[in-house]
């Protein structure tokens, strides 16, 4: 039997006063008596508190918790779940939009049996004016997974789960899993989901119910560290999943790593500073030389080369081109390439 509060929408925020109102406005018209909305503010120094107080005054279903110190995104989501009263918790983001009627669709999947419901999303430009990727998770129809489908689930949804807004999880389950070990990982939800024992019942909603602002994450300036070090280390740490499944989420491939580094160099996120602090200490002699050469390659020229490559490859490169054309190294070539693919 479902509890009186079926779903707690748990948002953590930090210095997002310019964005969080849009997120709340997309959610509030869809709320019902069995849904609560919780916002944990990690001691923002902007006008977030002022914005939230205005919403709390008008909407009693919104619960606002302002922390005295910033504990980091992982611990703040853990706090949000502890403050919640719902049978399920949706770990929603503070700057993205929820599609109309999304909550009605979600509530039909919260049957008390599913341990986890994964919500698909579309990826858009920061102003939501253009779609960069129509589906974060490639699924044509809703999917169900049991504890015997752990590899299939990781293969299908692992990459998409890097976006925390996809996650709706049983509160009781969350509270019984190891969490503190994942503080500082930036992906506490992934640690909770993929640790042992594997989850018994999972539902994936194929229809995109969220619009993600691409490139607006607080951690965007740390993209190289996150996606080339933190994320791979986390995915490859999980026991009980095959090498093939983990490689599908995060390929352990040297050539692909070089391509990623070239992209980060072209978009301004990889310099000699990152090479020296992040890559040089843990690399072999040959790898170190390759990483150094990319770090020293003229960034604007690499932006041009990479933009042309993306323009003629496939439309799957729309997000990459959007990043290249919005970087400090954007140029006439990157602008041309962006027009070619419609971004």
Protein backbone atom coordinates (compact mmCIF):
# COMPACT_ATOMS: atom_id res chain seq x y z
CA UNK A 1 0.00 0.00 0.00
CA UNK A 2 1.30 3.45 -0.89
CA UNK A 3 1.99 5.97 1.88
CA UNK A 4 -0.11 9.21 2.03
CA UNK A 5 2.81 10.94 0.30
CA UNK A 6 3.67 8.82 -2.71
CA UNK A 7 6.39 10.99 -4.20
CA UNK A 8 8.86 13.48 -2.74
CA UNK A 9 10.52 15.64 -5.40
CA UNK A 10 13.96 16.31 -3.88
CA UNK A 11 15.88 19.25 -5.32
CA UNK A 12 19.27 20.43 -4.13
CA UNK A 13 20.48 23.85 -5.14
CA UNK A 14 23.40 26.22 -4.80
CA UNK A 15 23.52 29.73 -6.26
CA UNK A 16 20.77 29.05 -8.79
CA UNK A 17 18.50 31.98 -8.06
CA UNK A 18 18.39 32.80 -11.78
CA UNK A 19 17.19 29.32 -12.74
CA UNK A 20 15.30 27.56 -9.98
CA UNK A 21 12.08 29.55 -10.44
CA UNK A 22 11.62 28.10 -13.94
CA UNK A 23 12.10 24.61 -12.59
CA UNK A 24 9.57 25.14 -9.81
CA UNK A 25 7.09 26.70 -12.23
CA UNK A 26 7.25 23.58 -14.41
CA UNK A 27 6.53 21.36 -11.39
CA UNK A 28 4.01 23.21 -9.25
CA UNK A 29 0.99 23.01 -11.61
CA UNK A 30 1.39 19.23 -11.64
CA UNK A 31 1.51 18.67 -7.88
CA UNK A 32 -1.23 16.82 -6.05
CA UNK A 33 -1.91 15.95 -2.37
CA UNK A 34 0.25 12.82 -2.70
CA UNK A 35 3.30 14.76 -3.93
CA UNK A 36 5.59 17.03 -1.91
CA UNK A 37 8.44 19.23 -3.14
CA UNK A 38 11.60 19.60 -1.07
CA UNK A 39 14.44 22.03 -1.79
CA UNK A 40 17.75 21.81 0.07
CA UNK A 41 19.86 24.94 -0.35
CA UNK A 42 23.57 24.40 0.22
CA UNK A 43 24.06 27.85 1.78
CA UNK A 44 23.73 29.86 -1.44
CA UNK A 45 25.35 33.29 -1.53
CA UNK A 46 23.10 34.66 -4.28
CA UNK A 47 19.35 35.43 -4.16
CA UNK A 48 18.25 31.78 -3.97
CA UNK A 49 16.93 32.19 -0.41
CA UNK A 50 14.83 35.20 -1.43
CA UNK A 51 13.38 33.36 -4.43
CA UNK A 52 12.58 30.28 -2.36
CA UNK A 53 10.91 32.25 0.44
CA UNK A 54 8.52 33.74 -2.12
CA UNK A 55 7.55 30.26 -3.32
CA UNK A 56 7.18 28.86 0.18
CA UNK A 57 4.84 31.73 1.13
CA UNK A 58 2.55 30.93 -1.82
CA UNK A 59 2.88 27.14 -1.93
CA UNK A 60 2.74 25.25 1.40
CA UNK A 61 3.58 22.00 -0.39
CA UNK A 62 7.09 23.37 -0.98
CA UNK A 63 9.47 22.64 1.90
CA UNK A 64 12.66 24.71 1.94
CA UNK A 65 15.75 23.77 3.96
CA UNK A 66 18.63 26.21 3.97
CA UNK A 67 21.83 24.61 5.24
CA UNK A 68 24.36 26.54 7.33
CA UNK A 69 27.30 25.24 5.31
CA UNK A 70 27.78 23.86 1.81
CA UNK A 71 28.22 20.11 2.21
CA UNK A 72 28.45 19.31 -1.51
CA UNK A 73 25.88 17.94 -3.92
CA UNK A 74 26.10 14.31 -2.76
CA UNK A 75 25.52 15.00 0.91
CA UNK A 76 22.79 17.53 0.13
CA UNK A 77 20.83 14.97 -1.90
CA UNK A 78 21.26 12.54 0.97
CA UNK A 79 19.86 15.18 3.33
CA UNK A 80 16.95 15.86 0.98
CA UNK A 81 15.94 12.19 1.04
CA UNK A 82 16.18 12.15 4.83
CA UNK A 83 13.84 15.18 5.02
CA UNK A 84 11.34 13.56 2.66
CA UNK A 85 8.16 11.72 3.63
CA UNK A 86 7.30 10.03 0.34
CA UNK A 87 7.52 6.36 -0.46
CA UNK A 88 9.59 7.38 -3.50
CA UNK A 89 12.05 10.22 -3.96
CA UNK A 90 12.70 11.93 -7.29
CA UNK A 91 16.20 13.42 -7.27
CA UNK A 92 15.36 16.36 -9.47
CA UNK A 93 17.75 19.10 -10.62
CA UNK A 94 17.48 22.85 -9.95
CA UNK A 95 17.69 24.29 -13.48
CA UNK A 96 15.93 21.88 -15.82
CA UNK A 97 12.26 21.70 -16.83
CA UNK A 98 9.68 18.98 -16.34
CA UNK A 99 7.34 18.30 -19.25
CA UNK A 100 3.59 18.91 -18.82
CA UNK A 101 1.78 15.84 -17.44
CA UNK A 102 5.12 14.22 -16.53
CA UNK A 103 4.02 13.64 -12.94
CA UNK A 104 0.87 11.82 -14.03
CA UNK A 105 2.99 9.48 -16.15
CA UNK A 106 5.45 8.90 -13.32
CA UNK A 107 2.84 8.25 -10.63
CA UNK A 108 1.43 5.35 -12.65
CA UNK A 109 4.82 3.59 -12.35
CA UNK A 110 5.14 4.01 -8.58
CA UNK A 111 3.39 0.78 -7.67
CA UNK A 112 5.30 -0.06 -4.51
CA UNK A 113 7.04 -2.91 -6.36
CA UNK A 114 9.56 -0.98 -8.46
CA UNK A 115 12.70 -0.16 -6.49
CA UNK A 116 13.76 2.37 -9.08
CA UNK A 117 12.07 4.27 -11.89
CA UNK A 118 14.37 5.87 -14.46
CA UNK A 119 12.93 8.86 -16.30
CA UNK A 120 14.20 9.66 -19.78
CA UNK A 121 15.08 13.21 -20.84
CA UNK A 122 15.80 15.35 -23.87
CA UNK A 123 18.88 17.56 -24.02
CA UNK A 124 18.47 21.18 -25.12
CA UNK A 125 20.41 24.40 -25.42
CA UNK A 126 20.67 26.50 -22.26
CA UNK A 127 17.65 28.59 -23.26
CA UNK A 128 15.61 25.49 -24.28
CA UNK A 129 15.28 26.89 -27.81
CA UNK A 130 16.79 23.89 -29.64
CA UNK A 131 16.93 20.16 -28.98
CA UNK A 132 20.45 18.78 -29.06
CA UNK A 133 19.47 15.17 -28.33
CA UNK A 134 15.87 13.97 -28.37
CA UNK A 135 16.59 11.08 -25.98
CA UNK A 136 19.30 10.84 -23.36
CA UNK A 137 18.64 7.09 -23.03
CA UNK A 138 18.11 5.16 -26.24
CA UNK A 139 14.82 3.34 -25.66
CA UNK A 140 11.85 3.07 -27.99
CA UNK A 141 9.53 1.57 -25.37
CA UNK A 142 9.34 1.30 -21.60
CA UNK A 143 11.64 -1.36 -20.20
CA UNK A 144 11.48 -3.55 -17.08
CA UNK A 145 14.49 -5.11 -15.36
CA UNK A 146 14.83 -7.65 -12.59
CA UNK A 147 17.85 -8.64 -10.50
CA UNK A 148 18.83 -11.04 -13.28
CA UNK A 149 19.07 -8.19 -15.78
CA UNK A 150 21.77 -6.18 -14.03
CA UNK A 151 24.15 -6.15 -17.01
CA UNK A 152 21.39 -5.25 -19.44
CA UNK A 153 20.25 -2.43 -17.18
CA UNK A 154 23.75 -0.99 -16.81
CA UNK A 155 24.28 -1.21 -20.57
CA UNK A 156 20.94 0.43 -21.40
CA UNK A 157 20.79 3.14 -18.75
CA UNK A 158 24.23 3.55 -17.19
CA UNK A 159 25.28 6.50 -19.33
CA UNK A 160 21.95 8.28 -18.87
CA UNK A 161 22.14 7.88 -15.12
CA UNK A 162 25.02 10.33 -15.04
CA UNK A 163 22.09 12.80 -15.01
CA UNK A 164 20.66 12.63 -11.49
CA UNK A 165 17.29 14.01 -12.56
CA UNK A 166 16.52 10.63 -14.15
CA UNK A 167 16.35 8.93 -10.75
CA UNK A 168 13.20 8.09 -8.80
CA UNK A 169 14.05 5.64 -6.02
CA UNK A 170 12.32 4.08 -3.04
CA UNK A 171 13.18 6.17 0.00
CA UNK A 172 13.48 3.16 2.28
CA UNK A 173 15.87 1.48 -0.14
CA UNK A 174 18.03 4.61 -0.40
CA UNK A 175 18.32 4.83 3.37
CA UNK A 176 19.43 1.20 3.71
CA UNK A 177 22.22 1.46 1.09
CA UNK A 178 25.80 2.71 1.55
CA UNK A 179 25.95 6.42 0.81
CA UNK A 180 28.76 8.12 2.69
CA UNK A 181 31.40 6.30 0.60
CA UNK A 182 30.09 8.25 -2.40
CA UNK A 183 30.21 11.72 -0.85
CA UNK A 184 32.45 13.79 -3.11
CA UNK A 185 32.00 11.51 -6.11
CA UNK A 186 29.33 13.86 -7.56
CA UNK A 187 27.30 10.73 -8.40
CA UNK A 188 25.97 9.44 -5.07
CA UNK A 189 22.85 8.17 -6.84
CA UNK A 190 24.92 5.98 -9.17
CA UNK A 191 26.72 4.49 -6.16
CA UNK A 192 23.42 3.74 -4.46
CA UNK A 193 21.94 2.17 -7.59
CA UNK A 194 24.83 -0.03 -8.76
CA UNK A 195 26.26 -1.25 -5.47
CA UNK A 196 25.56 -4.78 -4.27
CA UNK A 197 23.05 -6.32 -3.85
CA UNK A 198 21.58 -5.44 -7.24
CA UNK A 199 18.11 -3.92 -7.34
CA UNK A 200 15.23 -6.33 -7.83
CA UNK A 201 12.72 -4.36 -9.88
CA UNK A 202 13.45 -1.39 -12.15
CA UNK A 203 11.29 0.48 -14.65
CA UNK A 204 12.65 2.70 -17.42
CA UNK A 205 10.24 5.25 -18.92
CA UNK A 206 11.23 5.69 -22.55
CA UNK A 207 9.34 8.94 -23.15
CA UNK A 208 11.46 12.01 -22.34
CA UNK A 209 9.78 13.81 -19.43
CA UNK A 210 12.57 16.29 -18.63
CA UNK A 211 14.31 18.98 -20.67
CA UNK A 212 17.97 19.35 -19.67
CA UNK A 213 19.89 22.61 -20.10
CA UNK A 214 23.10 21.33 -21.68
CA UNK A 215 26.29 22.95 -20.45
CA UNK A 216 24.63 24.68 -17.48
CA UNK A 217 25.79 22.28 -14.76
CA UNK A 218 27.72 23.78 -11.84
CA UNK A 219 30.52 21.32 -12.56
CA UNK A 220 30.96 22.17 -16.25
CA UNK A 221 34.35 23.85 -15.65
CA UNK A 222 35.53 20.56 -14.09
CA UNK A 223 34.28 18.47 -17.00
CA UNK A 224 37.61 16.85 -17.82
CA UNK A 225 38.27 15.75 -14.24
CA UNK A 226 34.74 14.43 -13.87
CA UNK A 227 34.30 12.56 -17.14
CA UNK A 228 37.84 11.25 -17.62
CA UNK A 229 38.68 10.44 -14.00
CA UNK A 230 35.82 10.50 -11.47
CA UNK A 231 33.14 8.90 -13.66
CA UNK A 232 35.32 6.05 -15.04
CA UNK A 233 36.73 5.29 -11.59
CA UNK A 234 33.22 5.03 -10.18
CA UNK A 235 31.76 2.84 -12.94
CA UNK A 236 34.70 0.44 -12.95
CA UNK A 237 34.55 0.10 -9.15
CA UNK A 238 31.25 -1.79 -9.11
CA UNK A 239 31.28 -5.52 -8.47
CA UNK A 240 28.75 -7.92 -9.95
CA UNK A 241 28.71 -6.38 -13.44
CA UNK A 242 30.53 -7.68 -16.49
CA UNK A 243 33.45 -5.91 -18.12
CA UNK A 244 31.32 -5.63 -21.24
CA UNK A 245 28.52 -3.84 -19.39
CA UNK A 246 30.89 -1.40 -17.69
CA UNK A 247 32.70 -0.74 -20.98
CA UNK A 248 29.36 0.09 -22.60
CA UNK A 249 28.94 2.91 -20.07
CA UNK A 250 32.55 4.01 -19.90
CA UNK A 251 34.89 2.53 -22.54
CA UNK A 252 38.37 1.71 -21.30
CA UNK A 253 39.89 2.62 -24.66
CA UNK A 254 43.06 4.68 -25.11
CA UNK A 255 42.16 6.05 -28.56
CA UNK A 256 38.73 7.17 -27.37
CA UNK A 257 40.36 8.86 -24.40
CA UNK A 258 42.64 10.78 -26.76
CA UNK A 259 39.60 11.90 -28.77
CA UNK A 260 37.91 13.12 -25.59
CA UNK A 261 41.03 15.01 -24.59
CA UNK A 262 41.20 16.63 -28.03
CA UNK A 263 37.60 17.76 -27.61
CA UNK A 264 38.33 19.21 -24.18
CA UNK A 265 41.37 21.01 -25.57
CA UNK A 266 39.31 22.40 -28.43
CA UNK A 267 36.59 23.63 -26.06
CA UNK A 268 39.02 25.20 -23.59
CA UNK A 269 38.75 22.69 -20.75
CA UNK A 270 42.17 21.06 -21.17
CA UNK A 271 45.45 22.92 -20.80
CA UNK A 272 48.92 22.17 -19.50
CA UNK A 273 47.58 22.87 -16.00
CA UNK A 274 45.08 19.99 -16.20
CA UNK A 275 47.70 17.76 -17.80
CA UNK A 276 50.17 18.36 -14.99
CA UNK A 277 47.69 18.02 -12.10
CA UNK A 278 45.33 15.29 -13.36
CA UNK A 279 46.92 13.13 -16.05
CA UNK A 280 50.71 13.22 -15.80
CA UNK A 281 50.89 11.67 -12.29
CA UNK A 282 48.97 8.52 -13.27
CA UNK A 283 50.14 7.83 -16.83
CA UNK A 284 52.75 5.70 -18.55
CA UNK A 285 55.55 7.37 -20.53
CA UNK A 286 53.83 6.89 -23.88
CA UNK A 287 50.44 8.04 -22.57
CA UNK A 288 52.03 11.04 -20.88
CA UNK A 289 53.64 12.11 -24.15
CA UNK A 290 50.32 11.84 -26.03
CA UNK A 291 48.45 13.75 -23.35
CA UNK A 292 51.12 16.46 -23.32
CA UNK A 293 51.05 16.91 -27.09
CA UNK A 294 47.29 17.44 -27.00
CA UNK A 295 47.61 19.89 -24.10
CA UNK A 296 50.13 21.94 -26.10
CA UNK A 297 48.33 21.78 -29.46
CA UNK A 298 46.98 25.20 -30.57
CA UNK A 299 43.47 25.19 -29.13
CA UNK A 300 41.80 27.43 -31.70
CA UNK A 301 43.15 25.36 -34.58
CA UNK A 302 41.95 22.19 -32.86
CA UNK A 303 38.54 23.78 -32.39
CA UNK A 304 38.37 24.32 -36.17
CA UNK A 305 39.46 20.77 -36.96
CA UNK A 306 37.09 19.24 -34.42
CA UNK A 307 34.18 21.37 -35.60
CA UNK A 308 34.62 20.21 -39.20
CA UNK A 309 34.86 16.60 -38.03
CA UNK A 310 31.65 16.93 -36.01
CA UNK A 311 29.79 18.65 -38.83
CA UNK A 312 30.46 15.86 -41.31
CA UNK A 313 30.16 12.91 -38.95
CA UNK A 314 26.56 12.61 -37.74
CA UNK A 315 23.90 14.63 -36.02
CA UNK A 316 24.85 12.79 -32.83
CA UNK A 317 27.60 15.40 -32.55
CA UNK A 318 25.16 18.27 -31.96
CA UNK A 319 26.04 18.53 -28.26
CA UNK A 320 29.75 18.52 -29.01
CA UNK A 321 29.34 21.26 -31.63
CA UNK A 322 27.22 23.29 -29.26
CA UNK A 323 30.07 23.15 -26.72
CA UNK A 324 32.71 24.01 -29.30
CA UNK A 325 30.77 26.97 -30.61
CA UNK A 326 30.09 28.31 -27.12
CA UNK A 327 33.68 28.02 -25.94
CA UNK A 328 36.25 30.82 -25.77
CA UNK A 329 37.84 29.33 -28.91
CA UNK A 330 34.73 29.58 -31.08
CA UNK A 331 35.48 30.91 -34.55
CA UNK A 332 33.94 31.24 -38.03
CA UNK A 333 34.50 27.54 -38.68
CA UNK A 334 32.72 26.43 -35.50
CA UNK A 335 29.87 28.84 -36.27
CA UNK A 336 29.57 27.41 -39.79
CA UNK A 337 29.62 23.84 -38.47
CA UNK A 338 26.93 24.68 -35.92
CA UNK A 339 24.69 26.04 -38.65
CA UNK A 340 25.22 22.88 -40.69
CA UNK A 341 23.74 20.69 -37.95
CA UNK A 342 21.18 23.26 -36.80
CA UNK A 343 22.56 24.40 -33.46
